C-alpha atoms as a PDB file:
ATOM      1  CA  MET A   1     -41.044 -48.862 -78.053  1.00  0.00           C
ATOM      2  CA  GLU A   2     -37.535 -47.725 -77.171  1.00  0.00           C
ATOM      3  CA  ASP A   3     -34.374 -49.597 -78.108  1.00  0.00           C
ATOM      4  CA  SER A   4     -33.158 -50.003 -74.522  1.00  0.00           C
ATOM      5  CA  PRO A   5     -32.282 -53.188 -72.669  1.00  0.00           C
ATOM      6  CA  ALA A   6     -34.964 -54.818 -70.594  1.00  0.00           C
ATOM      7  CA  LYS A   7     -35.201 -53.605 -67.018  1.00  0.00           C
ATOM      8  CA  GLY A   8     -34.593 -57.111 -65.673  1.00  0.00           C
ATOM      9  CA  VAL A   9     -31.257 -57.316 -67.499  1.00  0.00           C
ATOM     10  CA  GLU A  10     -30.031 -54.071 -65.927  1.00  0.00           C
ATOM     11  CA  ASP A  11     -31.163 -55.233 -62.483  1.00  0.00           C
ATOM     12  CA  ASP A  12     -29.287 -58.524 -62.930  1.00  0.00           C
ATOM     13  CA  GLU A  13     -26.074 -56.721 -63.890  1.00  0.00           C
ATOM     14  CA  ASP A  14     -26.377 -54.379 -60.902  1.00  0.00           C
ATOM     15  CA  SER A  15     -27.016 -57.261 -58.522  1.00  0.00           C
ATOM     16  CA  VAL A  16     -23.995 -59.161 -59.873  1.00  0.00           C
ATOM     17  CA  ARG A  17     -21.805 -56.097 -59.307  1.00  0.00           C
ATOM     18  CA  THR A  18     -23.240 -55.708 -55.819  1.00  0.00           C
ATOM     19  CA  MET A  19     -22.704 -59.386 -55.040  1.00  0.00           C
ATOM     20  CA  ASN A  20     -19.105 -59.163 -56.278  1.00  0.00           C
ATOM     21  CA  ALA A  21     -18.499 -56.113 -54.098  1.00  0.00           C
ATOM     22  CA  LYS A  22     -19.997 -57.838 -51.053  1.00  0.00           C
ATOM     23  CA  ASN A  23     -17.975 -60.987 -51.683  1.00  0.00           C
ATOM     24  CA  GLY A  24     -14.823 -58.877 -51.943  1.00  0.00           C
ATOM     25  CA  ALA A  25     -15.639 -57.140 -48.662  1.00  0.00           C
ATOM     26  CA  ARG A  26     -16.331 -60.505 -47.001  1.00  0.00           C
ATOM     27  CA  SER A  27     -13.022 -61.972 -48.131  1.00  0.00           C
ATOM     28  CA  GLN A  28     -11.159 -58.831 -46.974  1.00  0.00           C
ATOM     29  CA  LEU A  29     -12.875 -59.004 -43.579  1.00  0.00           C
ATOM     30  CA  GLU A  30     -12.071 -62.693 -43.250  1.00  0.00           C
ATOM     31  CA  SER A  31      -8.382 -62.150 -44.043  1.00  0.00           C
ATOM     32  CA  ASP A  32      -8.222 -59.197 -41.627  1.00  0.00           C
ATOM     33  CA  MET A  33      -9.794 -61.307 -38.857  1.00  0.00           C
ATOM     34  CA  GLU A  34      -7.360 -64.168 -39.499  1.00  0.00           C
ATOM     35  CA  ALA A  35      -4.413 -61.744 -39.302  1.00  0.00           C
ATOM     36  CA  PHE A  36      -5.799 -60.223 -36.089  1.00  0.00           C
ATOM     37  CA  LEU A  37      -6.247 -63.634 -34.468  1.00  0.00           C
ATOM     38  CA  ALA A  38      -2.809 -64.777 -35.659  1.00  0.00           C
ATOM     39  CA  LYS A  39      -1.235 -61.823 -33.814  1.00  0.00           C
ATOM     40  CA  GLY A  40      -2.891 -62.993 -30.584  1.00  0.00           C
ATOM     41  CA  GLY A  41      -6.023 -60.878 -30.779  1.00  0.00           C
ATOM     42  CA  ALA A  42      -9.299 -62.109 -29.340  1.00  0.00           C
ATOM     43  CA  ILE A  43     -12.892 -61.625 -30.418  1.00  0.00           C
ATOM     44  CA  VAL A  44     -15.393 -61.094 -27.611  1.00  0.00           C
ATOM     45  CA  GLN A  45     -19.138 -61.238 -28.155  1.00  0.00           C
ATOM     46  CA  VAL A  46     -20.968 -58.351 -26.488  1.00  0.00           C
ATOM     47  CA  ASP A  47     -24.429 -58.805 -24.993  1.00  0.00           C
ATOM     48  CA  THR A  48     -27.280 -57.252 -26.940  1.00  0.00           C
ATOM     49  CA  ASN A  49     -28.332 -54.990 -24.049  1.00  0.00           C
ATOM     50  CA  VAL A  50     -24.910 -53.259 -23.802  1.00  0.00           C
ATOM     51  CA  THR A  51     -24.603 -49.795 -25.347  1.00  0.00           C
ATOM     52  CA  ALA A  52     -21.496 -47.747 -26.066  1.00  0.00           C
ATOM     53  CA  ASP A  53     -23.210 -44.466 -25.253  1.00  0.00           C
ATOM     54  CA  PRO A  54     -24.883 -44.544 -21.826  1.00  0.00           C
ATOM     55  CA  PRO A  55     -27.851 -42.230 -21.342  1.00  0.00           C
ATOM     56  CA  SER A  56     -26.991 -38.775 -20.061  1.00  0.00           C
ATOM     57  CA  LYS A  57     -28.546 -37.050 -17.085  1.00  0.00           C
ATOM     58  CA  PRO A  58     -31.534 -34.912 -18.106  1.00  0.00           C
ATOM     59  CA  VAL A  59     -30.875 -31.171 -18.105  1.00  0.00           C
ATOM     60  CA  SER A  60     -33.267 -29.070 -16.045  1.00  0.00           C
ATOM     61  CA  ARG A  61     -34.206 -25.765 -17.633  1.00  0.00           C
ATOM     62  CA  TYR A  62     -36.662 -24.767 -14.970  1.00  0.00           C
ATOM     63  CA  GLY A  63     -36.133 -21.105 -14.070  1.00  0.00           C
ATOM     64  CA  GLY A  64     -33.485 -20.654 -16.718  1.00  0.00           C
ATOM     65  CA  ARG A  65     -35.085 -17.600 -18.293  1.00  0.00           C
ATOM     66  CA  PRO A  66     -35.498 -14.174 -16.675  1.00  0.00           C
ATOM     67  CA  ILE A  67     -38.995 -12.974 -15.899  1.00  0.00           C
END
């Protein structure tokens, strides 16, 4: 056998680092939202069926090449 740490121990350390990073991002987001709202900003919930990029008109290529 090799003298390396158990795989579960490495996974636990990685997940703790990931959780710490996510918690840091959450707290940063929360403070940014509070600052935004304090300046008079508003948060509006968008319906799920709304898209930012509407579908484009299909391009016809019929007869586009010479015979």
